[in-house]
């Protein structure tokens, strides 16, 4: 019987494991893919307080070492489902069943990609999924944003304050973004609009130098010279295995507030997999701490 099992080895999950282990609890972490999660793809982190100019891989490696030194057991194995009873939880993988007193779900979310050739290869070299994280790297340079919702228009507004120009590329003529947000964006002289248009090709060698786009109406193609493309077409939470047990919103995010508690006693949600307004490294680690505190209080009952 383990005190706390954490599902997900990203920054939220490892922080939860760190706090729980320091509280004297036995902890296991299950990770399906790579330790560290999305942050490992970031070539540079410049917005984490007190740790400027560190790569995402360095940050994840340091957190991993810090956790394992405390005796946390990490298993590279996907969790298929969780069974809940009043006294304990059972975490089920392909090969085994593990019993624990509390579970912290920190499964994260993956960015919805455009599916273009070289998109993965150029991530971190001009392709980004986070304007707040990477916008400052493109100060006084031309960039583009693809998407038509609040995130895309909000990203364009944010980038317009530091970038030379921002081109919004949207496949439709109409936007899903709030009217007030659109009105603010249209007041910005350095925000340009390409509607009814889709990106078709990423241009450049090792780094992005432009985007080839195609009109949905005429089929004509044209090139836009940019140093970065920020993709804001949504995220997909990695919660499918638990959707039948834990309440979710319409988009599939686990319903949990700042205390990280879910509708099932003894199961907590931390990081990008839960309903929240801001999904950043700082909020992920904060969730990990909150979830661990809630879980160890549960195990003390």
C-alpha atoms as a PDB file:
ATOM      1  CA  UNK A   1       0.000   0.000   0.000  1.00  0.00           C
ATOM      2  CA  UNK A   2       1.510   3.291  -1.185  1.00  0.00           C
ATOM      3  CA  UNK A   3       0.381   6.531   0.417  1.00  0.00           C
ATOM      4  CA  UNK A   4       0.134   8.591  -2.780  1.00  0.00           C
ATOM      5  CA  UNK A   5       0.355   7.658  -6.443  1.00  0.00           C
ATOM      6  CA  UNK A   6       0.911  10.457  -8.951  1.00  0.00           C
ATOM      7  CA  UNK A   7      -0.184   9.826 -12.545  1.00  0.00           C
ATOM      8  CA  UNK A   8       1.960  12.018 -14.783  1.00  0.00           C
ATOM      9  CA  UNK A   9       5.646  12.883 -14.573  1.00  0.00           C
ATOM     10  CA  UNK A  10       5.523  16.463 -15.788  1.00  0.00           C
ATOM     11  CA  UNK A  11       6.276  19.506 -13.647  1.00  0.00           C
ATOM     12  CA  UNK A  12       2.947  19.376 -11.779  1.00  0.00           C
ATOM     13  CA  UNK A  13       3.285  15.671 -11.044  1.00  0.00           C
ATOM     14  CA  UNK A  14       6.931  15.822  -9.975  1.00  0.00           C
ATOM     15  CA  UNK A  15       6.245  18.818  -7.744  1.00  0.00           C
ATOM     16  CA  UNK A  16       3.387  16.923  -6.117  1.00  0.00           C
ATOM     17  CA  UNK A  17       5.733  13.978  -5.565  1.00  0.00           C
ATOM     18  CA  UNK A  18       8.388  16.283  -4.113  1.00  0.00           C
ATOM     19  CA  UNK A  19       6.021  17.860  -1.584  1.00  0.00           C
ATOM     20  CA  UNK A  20       4.417  14.554  -0.627  1.00  0.00           C
ATOM     21  CA  UNK A  21       7.783  12.841  -0.112  1.00  0.00           C
ATOM     22  CA  UNK A  22       9.048  15.737   2.024  1.00  0.00           C
ATOM     23  CA  UNK A  23       5.940  15.272   4.160  1.00  0.00           C
ATOM     24  CA  UNK A  24       7.094  11.726   4.867  1.00  0.00           C
ATOM     25  CA  UNK A  25       4.664   9.931   2.544  1.00  0.00           C
ATOM     26  CA  UNK A  26       5.520   6.990   0.299  1.00  0.00           C
ATOM     27  CA  UNK A  27       5.091   8.101  -3.307  1.00  0.00           C
ATOM     28  CA  UNK A  28       5.030   6.483  -6.746  1.00  0.00           C
ATOM     29  CA  UNK A  29       4.918   8.368 -10.050  1.00  0.00           C
ATOM     30  CA  UNK A  30       3.673   6.812 -13.295  1.00  0.00           C
ATOM     31  CA  UNK A  31       4.632   8.477 -16.582  1.00  0.00           C
ATOM     32  CA  UNK A  32       3.550   7.202 -19.995  1.00  0.00           C
ATOM     33  CA  UNK A  33       6.075   9.043 -22.182  1.00  0.00           C
ATOM     34  CA  UNK A  34       8.892  11.305 -20.975  1.00  0.00           C
ATOM     35  CA  UNK A  35       9.796  12.622 -17.557  1.00  0.00           C
ATOM     36  CA  UNK A  36       9.332  16.378 -17.402  1.00  0.00           C
ATOM     37  CA  UNK A  37       6.401  16.640 -19.810  1.00  0.00           C
ATOM     38  CA  UNK A  38       5.924  19.498 -22.252  1.00  0.00           C
ATOM     39  CA  UNK A  39       8.574  21.715 -20.671  1.00  0.00           C
ATOM     40  CA  UNK A  40      11.372  19.471 -21.959  1.00  0.00           C
ATOM     41  CA  UNK A  41      10.718  20.794 -25.487  1.00  0.00           C
ATOM     42  CA  UNK A  42      11.390  24.408 -24.434  1.00  0.00           C
ATOM     43  CA  UNK A  43      14.885  25.476 -25.524  1.00  0.00           C
ATOM     44  CA  UNK A  44      14.890  28.284 -22.960  1.00  0.00           C
ATOM     45  CA  UNK A  45      12.794  29.188 -19.908  1.00  0.00           C
ATOM     46  CA  UNK A  46      12.945  32.870 -19.065  1.00  0.00           C
ATOM     47  CA  UNK A  47       9.718  33.389 -17.097  1.00  0.00           C
ATOM     48  CA  UNK A  48      10.222  31.103 -14.093  1.00  0.00           C
ATOM     49  CA  UNK A  49      11.018  33.255 -11.025  1.00  0.00           C
ATOM     50  CA  UNK A  50      14.621  33.081  -9.882  1.00  0.00           C
ATOM     51  CA  UNK A  51      15.776  30.678 -12.632  1.00  0.00           C
ATOM     52  CA  UNK A  52      16.413  32.662 -15.829  1.00  0.00           C
ATOM     53  CA  UNK A  53      18.169  31.260 -18.883  1.00  0.00           C
ATOM     54  CA  UNK A  54      17.623  27.566 -18.128  1.00  0.00           C
ATOM     55  CA  UNK A  55      16.507  25.065 -20.744  1.00  0.00           C
ATOM     56  CA  UNK A  56      13.358  23.030 -20.244  1.00  0.00           C
ATOM     57  CA  UNK A  57      15.395  19.824 -20.238  1.00  0.00           C
ATOM     58  CA  UNK A  58      17.731  21.181 -17.542  1.00  0.00           C
ATOM     59  CA  UNK A  59      14.760  22.198 -15.414  1.00  0.00           C
ATOM     60  CA  UNK A  60      13.135  18.778 -15.775  1.00  0.00           C
ATOM     61  CA  UNK A  61      16.388  16.926 -15.055  1.00  0.00           C
ATOM     62  CA  UNK A  62      16.959  18.934 -11.875  1.00  0.00           C
ATOM     63  CA  UNK A  63      13.414  18.298 -10.684  1.00  0.00           C
ATOM     64  CA  UNK A  64      13.750  14.579 -11.443  1.00  0.00           C
ATOM     65  CA  UNK A  65      16.985  14.328  -9.445  1.00  0.00           C
ATOM     66  CA  UNK A  66      15.470  16.261  -6.554  1.00  0.00           C
ATOM     67  CA  UNK A  67      12.489  13.899  -6.425  1.00  0.00           C
ATOM     68  CA  UNK A  68      14.373  10.627  -6.773  1.00  0.00           C
ATOM     69  CA  UNK A  69      16.839  11.629  -4.048  1.00  0.00           C
ATOM     70  CA  UNK A  70      13.859  11.626  -1.699  1.00  0.00           C
ATOM     71  CA  UNK A  71      13.073   8.016  -2.555  1.00  0.00           C
ATOM     72  CA  UNK A  72      10.147   8.576  -4.912  1.00  0.00           C
ATOM     73  CA  UNK A  73       9.633   5.543  -7.165  1.00  0.00           C
ATOM     74  CA  UNK A  74       9.126   6.447 -10.826  1.00  0.00           C
ATOM     75  CA  UNK A  75       7.662   3.953 -13.283  1.00  0.00           C
ATOM     76  CA  UNK A  76       7.628   4.567 -17.051  1.00  0.00           C
ATOM     77  CA  UNK A  77       4.302   2.876 -17.627  1.00  0.00           C
ATOM     78  CA  UNK A  78       0.908   4.203 -18.754  1.00  0.00           C
ATOM     79  CA  UNK A  79      -2.031   4.016 -16.368  1.00  0.00           C
ATOM     80  CA  UNK A  80      -5.064   2.435 -17.979  1.00  0.00           C
ATOM     81  CA  UNK A  81      -7.670   3.241 -15.344  1.00  0.00           C
ATOM     82  CA  UNK A  82      -8.330   3.860 -11.663  1.00  0.00           C
ATOM     83  CA  UNK A  83     -10.759   2.062  -9.393  1.00  0.00           C
ATOM     84  CA  UNK A  84     -12.023   3.875  -6.314  1.00  0.00           C
ATOM     85  CA  UNK A  85     -13.340   2.546  -3.021  1.00  0.00           C
ATOM     86  CA  UNK A  86     -13.961   4.441   0.228  1.00  0.00           C
ATOM     87  CA  UNK A  87     -10.762   3.125   1.848  1.00  0.00           C
ATOM     88  CA  UNK A  88      -8.245   3.034  -1.007  1.00  0.00           C
ATOM     89  CA  UNK A  89      -7.670   3.508  -4.730  1.00  0.00           C
ATOM     90  CA  UNK A  90      -6.358   0.986  -7.239  1.00  0.00           C
ATOM     91  CA  UNK A  91      -4.176   2.198 -10.102  1.00  0.00           C
ATOM     92  CA  UNK A  92      -4.184  -0.278 -12.974  1.00  0.00           C
ATOM     93  CA  UNK A  93      -1.478  -0.580 -15.630  1.00  0.00           C
ATOM     94  CA  UNK A  94      -0.992  -3.164 -18.365  1.00  0.00           C
ATOM     95  CA  UNK A  95       1.028  -5.425 -16.077  1.00  0.00           C
ATOM     96  CA  UNK A  96       0.032  -4.666 -12.489  1.00  0.00           C
ATOM     97  CA  UNK A  97      -2.393  -3.244  -9.959  1.00  0.00           C
ATOM     98  CA  UNK A  98      -1.173  -0.784  -7.318  1.00  0.00           C
ATOM     99  CA  UNK A  99      -3.107   0.188  -4.199  1.00  0.00           C
ATOM    100  CA  UNK A 100      -2.786   3.593  -2.559  1.00  0.00           C
ATOM    101  CA  UNK A 101      -4.614   5.928  -0.209  1.00  0.00           C
ATOM    102  CA  UNK A 102      -4.768   8.902  -2.611  1.00  0.00           C
ATOM    103  CA  UNK A 103      -4.182   9.617  -6.294  1.00  0.00           C
ATOM    104  CA  UNK A 104      -2.994  12.832  -7.913  1.00  0.00           C
ATOM    105  CA  UNK A 105      -3.799  13.102 -11.626  1.00  0.00           C
ATOM    106  CA  UNK A 106      -1.252  15.308 -13.374  1.00  0.00           C
ATOM    107  CA  UNK A 107      -1.604  13.946 -16.892  1.00  0.00           C
ATOM    108  CA  UNK A 108      -1.307  17.307 -18.633  1.00  0.00           C
ATOM    109  CA  UNK A 109      -2.595  18.293 -22.045  1.00  0.00           C
ATOM    110  CA  UNK A 110      -1.110  18.200 -25.493  1.00  0.00           C
ATOM    111  CA  UNK A 111      -1.218  21.059 -27.959  1.00  0.00           C
ATOM    112  CA  UNK A 112      -3.374  20.562 -31.009  1.00  0.00           C
ATOM    113  CA  UNK A 113      -0.997  20.725 -33.954  1.00  0.00           C
ATOM    114  CA  UNK A 114      -1.561  21.831 -37.541  1.00  0.00           C
ATOM    115  CA  UNK A 115      -0.115  18.599 -38.911  1.00  0.00           C
ATOM    116  CA  UNK A 116       2.260  20.367 -41.294  1.00  0.00           C
ATOM    117  CA  UNK A 117       5.508  18.803 -42.504  1.00  0.00           C
ATOM    118  CA  UNK A 118       8.463  19.768 -40.238  1.00  0.00           C
ATOM    119  CA  UNK A 119       6.146  21.202 -37.570  1.00  0.00           C
ATOM    120  CA  UNK A 120       7.588  19.040 -34.802  1.00  0.00           C
ATOM    121  CA  UNK A 121      11.130  19.512 -36.076  1.00  0.00           C
ATOM    122  CA  UNK A 122      10.803  23.315 -36.013  1.00  0.00           C
ATOM    123  CA  UNK A 123       9.182  23.520 -32.583  1.00  0.00           C
ATOM    124  CA  UNK A 124      11.549  25.702 -30.583  1.00  0.00           C
ATOM    125  CA  UNK A 125      13.075  27.040 -33.793  1.00  0.00           C
ATOM    126  CA  UNK A 126      10.288  29.412 -34.768  1.00  0.00           C
ATOM    127  CA  UNK A 127       7.260  27.256 -34.017  1.00  0.00           C
ATOM    128  CA  UNK A 128       5.749  27.845 -30.573  1.00  0.00           C
ATOM    129  CA  UNK A 129       2.535  26.963 -28.779  1.00  0.00           C
ATOM    130  CA  UNK A 130       2.915  29.540 -25.997  1.00  0.00           C
ATOM    131  CA  UNK A 131       3.087  33.262 -26.702  1.00  0.00           C
ATOM    132  CA  UNK A 132       3.566  34.158 -23.030  1.00  0.00           C
ATOM    133  CA  UNK A 133       6.496  31.731 -22.781  1.00  0.00           C
ATOM    134  CA  UNK A 134       8.305  32.603 -25.994  1.00  0.00           C
ATOM    135  CA  UNK A 135       7.039  35.979 -27.212  1.00  0.00           C
ATOM    136  CA  UNK A 136       9.891  37.958 -25.627  1.00  0.00           C
ATOM    137  CA  UNK A 137      12.427  36.035 -27.729  1.00  0.00           C
ATOM    138  CA  UNK A 138      10.989  37.735 -30.823  1.00  0.00           C
ATOM    139  CA  UNK A 139      11.103  41.350 -29.661  1.00  0.00           C
ATOM    140  CA  UNK A 140      10.991  43.791 -32.606  1.00  0.00           C
ATOM    141  CA  UNK A 141      10.605  40.930 -35.091  1.00  0.00           C
ATOM    142  CA  UNK A 142       7.667  39.898 -37.321  1.00  0.00           C
ATOM    143  CA  UNK A 143       5.551  36.976 -36.077  1.00  0.00           C
ATOM    144  CA  UNK A 144       2.231  35.298 -36.851  1.00  0.00           C
ATOM    145  CA  UNK A 145      -0.516  33.619 -34.840  1.00  0.00           C
ATOM    146  CA  UNK A 146      -2.792  30.906 -36.216  1.00  0.00           C
ATOM    147  CA  UNK A 147      -6.254  30.474 -34.695  1.00  0.00           C
ATOM    148  CA  UNK A 148      -9.565  32.258 -34.268  1.00  0.00           C
ATOM    149  CA  UNK A 149     -10.536  31.930 -30.617  1.00  0.00           C
ATOM    150  CA  UNK A 150      -9.852  33.969 -27.506  1.00  0.00           C
ATOM    151  CA  UNK A 151      -6.426  32.380 -27.048  1.00  0.00           C
ATOM    152  CA  UNK A 152      -5.262  33.291 -30.547  1.00  0.00           C
ATOM    153  CA  UNK A 153      -6.510  36.881 -30.415  1.00  0.00           C
ATOM    154  CA  UNK A 154      -5.255  37.295 -26.852  1.00  0.00           C
ATOM    155  CA  UNK A 155      -1.848  35.992 -27.938  1.00  0.00           C
ATOM    156  CA  UNK A 156      -1.812  38.482 -30.812  1.00  0.00           C
ATOM    157  CA  UNK A 157      -2.563  41.336 -28.417  1.00  0.00           C
ATOM    158  CA  UNK A 158       0.193  40.205 -26.077  1.00  0.00           C
ATOM    159  CA  UNK A 159       2.709  39.871 -28.911  1.00  0.00           C
ATOM    160  CA  UNK A 160       1.781  43.238 -30.416  1.00  0.00           C
ATOM    161  CA  UNK A 161       3.313  44.969 -27.398  1.00  0.00           C
ATOM    162  CA  UNK A 162       6.805  43.628 -28.130  1.00  0.00           C
ATOM    163  CA  UNK A 163       6.934  42.339 -31.706  1.00  0.00           C
ATOM    164  CA  UNK A 164       7.356  44.430 -34.832  1.00  0.00           C
ATOM    165  CA  UNK A 165       4.223  43.004 -36.429  1.00  0.00           C
ATOM    166  CA  UNK A 166       1.709  40.243 -35.772  1.00  0.00           C
ATOM    167  CA  UNK A 167      -0.284  38.536 -38.526  1.00  0.00           C
ATOM    168  CA  UNK A 168      -3.367  36.603 -37.415  1.00  0.00           C
ATOM    169  CA  UNK A 169      -4.090  33.666 -39.730  1.00  0.00           C
ATOM    170  CA  UNK A 170      -7.576  32.185 -39.444  1.00  0.00           C
ATOM    171  CA  UNK A 171      -9.263  29.638 -41.677  1.00  0.00           C
ATOM    172  CA  UNK A 172     -12.669  31.323 -41.409  1.00  0.00           C
ATOM    173  CA  UNK A 173     -13.861  34.849 -42.061  1.00  0.00           C
ATOM    174  CA  UNK A 174     -15.548  35.048 -38.666  1.00  0.00           C
ATOM    175  CA  UNK A 175     -13.801  34.664 -35.326  1.00  0.00           C
ATOM    176  CA  UNK A 176     -14.909  32.729 -32.235  1.00  0.00           C
ATOM    177  CA  UNK A 177     -13.134  35.239 -29.989  1.00  0.00           C
ATOM    178  CA  UNK A 178     -15.141  37.642 -27.850  1.00  0.00           C
ATOM    179  CA  UNK A 179     -16.210  40.836 -29.604  1.00  0.00           C
ATOM    180  CA  UNK A 180     -14.482  43.033 -27.016  1.00  0.00           C
ATOM    181  CA  UNK A 181     -11.184  41.195 -27.512  1.00  0.00           C
ATOM    182  CA  UNK A 182     -11.461  41.498 -31.286  1.00  0.00           C
ATOM    183  CA  UNK A 183     -12.198  45.214 -30.992  1.00  0.00           C
ATOM    184  CA  UNK A 184      -9.039  45.754 -28.954  1.00  0.00           C
ATOM    185  CA  UNK A 185      -6.969  43.790 -31.457  1.00  0.00           C
ATOM    186  CA  UNK A 186      -8.344  45.754 -34.417  1.00  0.00           C
ATOM    187  CA  UNK A 187      -7.193  48.975 -32.755  1.00  0.00           C
ATOM    188  CA  UNK A 188      -3.576  47.807 -32.915  1.00  0.00           C
ATOM    189  CA  UNK A 189      -1.819  49.167 -35.999  1.00  0.00           C
ATOM    190  CA  UNK A 190       0.785  46.380 -36.004  1.00  0.00           C
ATOM    191  CA  UNK A 191      -1.768  43.538 -36.010  1.00  0.00           C
ATOM    192  CA  UNK A 192      -2.625  42.353 -39.525  1.00  0.00           C
ATOM    193  CA  UNK A 193      -5.365  39.936 -40.549  1.00  0.00           C
ATOM    194  CA  UNK A 194      -5.360  36.971 -42.941  1.00  0.00           C
ATOM    195  CA  UNK A 195      -8.835  35.436 -42.816  1.00  0.00           C
ATOM    196  CA  UNK A 196     -10.165  32.592 -44.909  1.00  0.00           C
ATOM    197  CA  UNK A 197      -6.574  31.401 -45.041  1.00  0.00           C
ATOM    198  CA  UNK A 198      -4.682  28.314 -43.850  1.00  0.00           C
ATOM    199  CA  UNK A 199      -0.948  27.689 -43.382  1.00  0.00           C
ATOM    200  CA  UNK A 200       0.284  25.136 -45.901  1.00  0.00           C
ATOM    201  CA  UNK A 201       4.076  25.086 -45.628  1.00  0.00           C
ATOM    202  CA  UNK A 202       6.760  26.156 -43.171  1.00  0.00           C
ATOM    203  CA  UNK A 203       9.654  27.985 -44.828  1.00  0.00           C
ATOM    204  CA  UNK A 204      13.271  28.152 -43.753  1.00  0.00           C
ATOM    205  CA  UNK A 205      16.202  25.918 -42.927  1.00  0.00           C
ATOM    206  CA  UNK A 206      17.090  25.269 -39.301  1.00  0.00           C
ATOM    207  CA  UNK A 207      14.893  28.205 -38.228  1.00  0.00           C
ATOM    208  CA  UNK A 208      11.557  29.465 -39.486  1.00  0.00           C
ATOM    209  CA  UNK A 209      11.753  32.343 -41.959  1.00  0.00           C
ATOM    210  CA  UNK A 210       8.190  32.388 -43.253  1.00  0.00           C
ATOM    211  CA  UNK A 211       4.893  30.618 -43.899  1.00  0.00           C
ATOM    212  CA  UNK A 212       3.253  29.706 -47.190  1.00  0.00           C
ATOM    213  CA  UNK A 213      -0.495  30.163 -46.860  1.00  0.00           C
ATOM    214  CA  UNK A 214      -3.429  29.243 -49.101  1.00  0.00           C
ATOM    215  CA  UNK A 215      -6.692  31.112 -49.539  1.00  0.00           C
ATOM    216  CA  UNK A 216      -9.723  28.958 -48.724  1.00  0.00           C
ATOM    217  CA  UNK A 217     -11.721  30.981 -51.253  1.00  0.00           C
ATOM    218  CA  UNK A 218      -9.492  31.279 -54.327  1.00  0.00           C
ATOM    219  CA  UNK A 219      -6.867  28.623 -53.667  1.00  0.00           C
ATOM    220  CA  UNK A 220      -4.137  31.201 -54.307  1.00  0.00           C
ATOM    221  CA  UNK A 221      -0.913  30.803 -52.353  1.00  0.00           C
ATOM    222  CA  UNK A 222       1.301  33.491 -50.881  1.00  0.00           C
ATOM    223  CA  UNK A 223       4.242  33.757 -48.511  1.00  0.00           C
ATOM    224  CA  UNK A 224       4.406  35.686 -45.243  1.00  0.00           C
ATOM    225  CA  UNK A 225       7.856  36.510 -43.883  1.00  0.00           C
ATOM    226  CA  UNK A 226       7.901  35.869 -40.128  1.00  0.00           C
ATOM    227  CA  UNK A 227      10.459  34.717 -37.589  1.00  0.00           C
ATOM    228  CA  UNK A 228       7.928  32.839 -35.466  1.00  0.00           C
ATOM    229  CA  UNK A 229       4.527  31.202 -35.761  1.00  0.00           C
ATOM    230  CA  UNK A 230       2.468  30.847 -32.589  1.00  0.00           C
ATOM    231  CA  UNK A 231      -0.083  28.042 -32.894  1.00  0.00           C
ATOM    232  CA  UNK A 232      -3.231  28.673 -30.848  1.00  0.00           C
ATOM    233  CA  UNK A 233      -5.780  26.171 -32.113  1.00  0.00           C
ATOM    234  CA  UNK A 234      -6.491  24.507 -28.791  1.00  0.00           C
ATOM    235  CA  UNK A 235      -5.279  21.806 -26.445  1.00  0.00           C
ATOM    236  CA  UNK A 236      -6.389  18.255 -25.805  1.00  0.00           C
ATOM    237  CA  UNK A 237      -6.351  17.134 -22.146  1.00  0.00           C
ATOM    238  CA  UNK A 238      -4.915  13.677 -21.512  1.00  0.00           C
ATOM    239  CA  UNK A 239      -7.853  12.541 -19.391  1.00  0.00           C
ATOM    240  CA  UNK A 240      -9.653   9.976 -21.522  1.00  0.00           C
ATOM    241  CA  UNK A 241      -8.731   7.079 -19.209  1.00  0.00           C
ATOM    242  CA  UNK A 242     -10.408   8.758 -16.229  1.00  0.00           C
ATOM    243  CA  UNK A 243     -13.387  10.510 -17.823  1.00  0.00           C
ATOM    244  CA  UNK A 244     -15.829   7.863 -16.600  1.00  0.00           C
ATOM    245  CA  UNK A 245     -14.707   8.293 -12.996  1.00  0.00           C
ATOM    246  CA  UNK A 246     -13.866  11.994 -12.600  1.00  0.00           C
ATOM    247  CA  UNK A 247     -16.218  14.803 -13.621  1.00  0.00           C
ATOM    248  CA  UNK A 248     -14.964  16.854 -16.585  1.00  0.00           C
ATOM    249  CA  UNK A 249     -16.059  19.965 -18.431  1.00  0.00           C
ATOM    250  CA  UNK A 250     -17.224  19.911 -22.059  1.00  0.00           C
ATOM    251  CA  UNK A 251     -13.633  20.077 -23.308  1.00  0.00           C
ATOM    252  CA  UNK A 252     -12.549  17.085 -21.229  1.00  0.00           C
ATOM    253  CA  UNK A 253     -10.645  18.919 -18.482  1.00  0.00           C
ATOM    254  CA  UNK A 254     -11.012  17.504 -14.968  1.00  0.00           C
ATOM    255  CA  UNK A 255     -13.279  19.676 -12.832  1.00  0.00           C
ATOM    256  CA  UNK A 256     -11.097  20.881  -9.968  1.00  0.00           C
ATOM    257  CA  UNK A 257     -10.456  24.276  -8.391  1.00  0.00           C
ATOM    258  CA  UNK A 258      -7.367  25.786  -6.798  1.00  0.00           C
ATOM    259  CA  UNK A 259      -7.495  23.174  -4.025  1.00  0.00           C
ATOM    260  CA  UNK A 260      -7.177  20.518  -6.774  1.00  0.00           C
ATOM    261  CA  UNK A 261      -9.984  18.372  -5.329  1.00  0.00           C
ATOM    262  CA  UNK A 262     -12.220  16.447  -7.725  1.00  0.00           C
ATOM    263  CA  UNK A 263     -15.688  14.998  -7.254  1.00  0.00           C
ATOM    264  CA  UNK A 264     -14.132  11.720  -6.042  1.00  0.00           C
ATOM    265  CA  UNK A 265     -12.757  11.732  -2.505  1.00  0.00           C
ATOM    266  CA  UNK A 266      -9.056  10.939  -2.448  1.00  0.00           C
ATOM    267  CA  UNK A 267      -8.442  11.826  -6.104  1.00  0.00           C
ATOM    268  CA  UNK A 268      -6.901  15.186  -7.006  1.00  0.00           C
ATOM    269  CA  UNK A 269      -6.104  16.969 -10.279  1.00  0.00           C
ATOM    270  CA  UNK A 270      -3.041  19.152 -10.839  1.00  0.00           C
ATOM    271  CA  UNK A 271      -1.604  21.065 -13.752  1.00  0.00           C
ATOM    272  CA  UNK A 272      -2.813  21.404 -17.328  1.00  0.00           C
ATOM    273  CA  UNK A 273      -5.284  18.504 -17.076  1.00  0.00           C
ATOM    274  CA  UNK A 274      -7.634  20.441 -14.772  1.00  0.00           C
ATOM    275  CA  UNK A 275      -9.986  23.355 -15.397  1.00  0.00           C
ATOM    276  CA  UNK A 276      -8.034  26.592 -14.958  1.00  0.00           C
ATOM    277  CA  UNK A 277      -7.536  30.015 -16.478  1.00  0.00           C
ATOM    278  CA  UNK A 278      -3.741  29.989 -16.845  1.00  0.00           C
ATOM    279  CA  UNK A 279      -1.615  27.035 -17.928  1.00  0.00           C
ATOM    280  CA  UNK A 280       2.009  27.926 -17.266  1.00  0.00           C
ATOM    281  CA  UNK A 281       5.020  26.318 -15.580  1.00  0.00           C
ATOM    282  CA  UNK A 282       4.442  28.427 -12.469  1.00  0.00           C
ATOM    283  CA  UNK A 283       0.794  27.395 -12.154  1.00  0.00           C
ATOM    284  CA  UNK A 284       1.687  23.738 -12.763  1.00  0.00           C
ATOM    285  CA  UNK A 285       4.131  23.605  -9.862  1.00  0.00           C
ATOM    286  CA  UNK A 286       1.690  25.540  -7.666  1.00  0.00           C
ATOM    287  CA  UNK A 287      -0.967  22.929  -8.433  1.00  0.00           C
ATOM    288  CA  UNK A 288       1.488  20.177  -7.534  1.00  0.00           C
ATOM    289  CA  UNK A 289       2.051  21.686  -4.106  1.00  0.00           C
ATOM    290  CA  UNK A 290      -1.663  22.208  -3.464  1.00  0.00           C
ATOM    291  CA  UNK A 291      -2.592  18.718  -4.612  1.00  0.00           C
ATOM    292  CA  UNK A 292       0.104  17.096  -2.476  1.00  0.00           C
ATOM    293  CA  UNK A 293      -1.046  18.950   0.623  1.00  0.00           C
ATOM    294  CA  UNK A 294      -4.656  17.904   0.012  1.00  0.00           C
ATOM    295  CA  UNK A 295      -3.569  14.294  -0.595  1.00  0.00           C
ATOM    296  CA  UNK A 296      -1.381  13.926   2.478  1.00  0.00           C
ATOM    297  CA  UNK A 297      -4.096  15.428   4.634  1.00  0.00           C
ATOM    298  CA  UNK A 298      -6.378  12.770   3.163  1.00  0.00           C
ATOM    299  CA  UNK A 299      -3.871   9.990   3.986  1.00  0.00           C
ATOM    300  CA  UNK A 300      -3.608  11.250   7.593  1.00  0.00           C
ATOM    301  CA  UNK A 301      -7.302  10.652   8.250  1.00  0.00           C
END
